[in-house]
Amino acid sequence: MVIAMDYKELLEKYNILFEEINRLTKENSQLKARLGLTGSELPQNTTSAIKTGKNRSDDESTDRNCFVVVK
């Protein structure tokens, strides 16, 4: 099965997944704190989600802005 996604759709899906990773990381930290684990054992996540739009010029080929996901 092949699914084609344009750059904007792929970016939106990426940001949704990235927000879920941050939520789960925070939840894991809270649960570790409840278990009494030390701060040095907690994961550090300093990366921020990409929220910007398309960085490519509009005159570029749409083929370059299309991504294919194979399942």
C-alpha atoms as a PDB file:
ATOM      1  CA  MET A   1       0.000   0.000   0.000  1.00  0.00           C
ATOM      2  CA  VAL A   2       1.424   3.379  -1.028  1.00  0.00           C
ATOM      3  CA  ILE A   3       0.236   6.680   0.446  1.00  0.00           C
ATOM      4  CA  ALA A   4       1.472   9.979  -1.021  1.00  0.00           C
ATOM      5  CA  MET A   5       1.657  13.019   1.270  1.00  0.00           C
ATOM      6  CA  ASP A   6       2.621  16.566   0.441  1.00  0.00           C
ATOM      7  CA  TYR A   7       5.067  18.534   2.582  1.00  0.00           C
ATOM      8  CA  LYS A   8       2.376  20.356   4.603  1.00  0.00           C
ATOM      9  CA  GLU A   9       0.486  17.166   5.462  1.00  0.00           C
ATOM     10  CA  LEU A  10       3.697  15.380   6.439  1.00  0.00           C
ATOM     11  CA  LEU A  11       4.744  18.337   8.624  1.00  0.00           C
ATOM     12  CA  GLU A  12       1.351  18.345  10.389  1.00  0.00           C
ATOM     13  CA  LYS A  13       1.605  14.619  11.123  1.00  0.00           C
ATOM     14  CA  TYR A  14       5.188  15.065  12.339  1.00  0.00           C
ATOM     15  CA  ASN A  15       4.141  17.827  14.750  1.00  0.00           C
ATOM     16  CA  ILE A  16       1.254  15.739  16.123  1.00  0.00           C
ATOM     17  CA  LEU A  17       3.622  12.832  16.780  1.00  0.00           C
ATOM     18  CA  PHE A  18       6.259  15.138  18.278  1.00  0.00           C
ATOM     19  CA  GLU A  19       3.699  16.620  20.695  1.00  0.00           C
ATOM     20  CA  GLU A  20       2.698  13.080  21.732  1.00  0.00           C
ATOM     21  CA  ILE A  21       6.366  12.202  22.367  1.00  0.00           C
ATOM     22  CA  ASN A  22       6.718  15.303  24.575  1.00  0.00           C
ATOM     23  CA  ARG A  23       3.516  14.421  26.481  1.00  0.00           C
ATOM     24  CA  LEU A  24       4.690  10.845  27.058  1.00  0.00           C
ATOM     25  CA  THR A  25       8.175  12.010  28.092  1.00  0.00           C
ATOM     26  CA  LYS A  26       6.633  14.366  30.648  1.00  0.00           C
ATOM     27  CA  GLU A  27       4.342  11.602  31.925  1.00  0.00           C
ATOM     28  CA  ASN A  28       7.321   9.234  32.241  1.00  0.00           C
ATOM     29  CA  SER A  29       9.218  11.873  34.231  1.00  0.00           C
ATOM     30  CA  GLN A  30       6.267  12.340  36.572  1.00  0.00           C
ATOM     31  CA  LEU A  31       5.901   8.592  37.089  1.00  0.00           C
ATOM     32  CA  LYS A  32       9.625   8.199  37.769  1.00  0.00           C
ATOM     33  CA  ALA A  33       9.419  11.013  40.314  1.00  0.00           C
ATOM     34  CA  ARG A  34       6.532   9.214  42.026  1.00  0.00           C
ATOM     35  CA  LEU A  35       8.702   6.091  42.199  1.00  0.00           C
ATOM     36  CA  GLY A  36      11.443   8.112  43.856  1.00  0.00           C
ATOM     37  CA  LEU A  37      13.982   7.892  41.064  1.00  0.00           C
ATOM     38  CA  THR A  38      16.660  10.587  41.092  1.00  0.00           C
ATOM     39  CA  GLY A  39      16.690  13.551  38.710  1.00  0.00           C
ATOM     40  CA  SER A  40      19.800  12.249  36.968  1.00  0.00           C
ATOM     41  CA  GLU A  41      17.798   9.213  35.868  1.00  0.00           C
ATOM     42  CA  LEU A  42      15.090  11.334  34.227  1.00  0.00           C
ATOM     43  CA  PRO A  43      15.260  11.858  30.448  1.00  0.00           C
ATOM     44  CA  GLN A  44      16.084  15.324  29.162  1.00  0.00           C
ATOM     45  CA  ASN A  45      14.225  16.559  26.076  1.00  0.00           C
ATOM     46  CA  THR A  46      15.355  19.950  24.794  1.00  0.00           C
ATOM     47  CA  THR A  47      14.243  19.599  21.185  1.00  0.00           C
ATOM     48  CA  SER A  48      11.296  21.699  20.046  1.00  0.00           C
ATOM     49  CA  ALA A  49       8.775  20.781  17.371  1.00  0.00           C
ATOM     50  CA  ILE A  50       9.108  22.183  13.891  1.00  0.00           C
ATOM     51  CA  LYS A  51       6.212  24.603  13.527  1.00  0.00           C
ATOM     52  CA  THR A  52       7.346  26.468  10.440  1.00  0.00           C
ATOM     53  CA  GLY A  53       5.710  26.083   7.073  1.00  0.00           C
ATOM     54  CA  LYS A  54       7.260  25.184   3.771  1.00  0.00           C
ATOM     55  CA  ASN A  55      10.867  26.423   3.495  1.00  0.00           C
ATOM     56  CA  ARG A  56      11.186  25.752  -0.212  1.00  0.00           C
ATOM     57  CA  SER A  57      10.407  28.330  -2.830  1.00  0.00           C
ATOM     58  CA  ASP A  58       6.955  28.047  -4.394  1.00  0.00           C
ATOM     59  CA  ASP A  59       8.372  27.726  -7.900  1.00  0.00           C
ATOM     60  CA  GLU A  60      10.000  24.355  -7.128  1.00  0.00           C
ATOM     61  CA  SER A  61       8.554  21.225  -8.601  1.00  0.00           C
ATOM     62  CA  THR A  62       5.679  19.671  -6.661  1.00  0.00           C
ATOM     63  CA  ASP A  63       7.436  16.329  -7.061  1.00  0.00           C
ATOM     64  CA  ARG A  64      10.046  17.513  -4.569  1.00  0.00           C
ATOM     65  CA  ASN A  65       7.319  18.405  -2.073  1.00  0.00           C
ATOM     66  CA  CYS A  66       5.662  14.985  -2.218  1.00  0.00           C
ATOM     67  CA  PHE A  67       6.585  12.151   0.133  1.00  0.00           C
ATOM     68  CA  VAL A  68       5.579   8.520  -0.213  1.00  0.00           C
ATOM     69  CA  VAL A  69       4.928   6.228   2.731  1.00  0.00           C
ATOM     70  CA  VAL A  70       4.954   2.498   2.029  1.00  0.00           C
ATOM     71  CA  LYS A  71       3.169   0.209   4.468  1.00  0.00           C
END
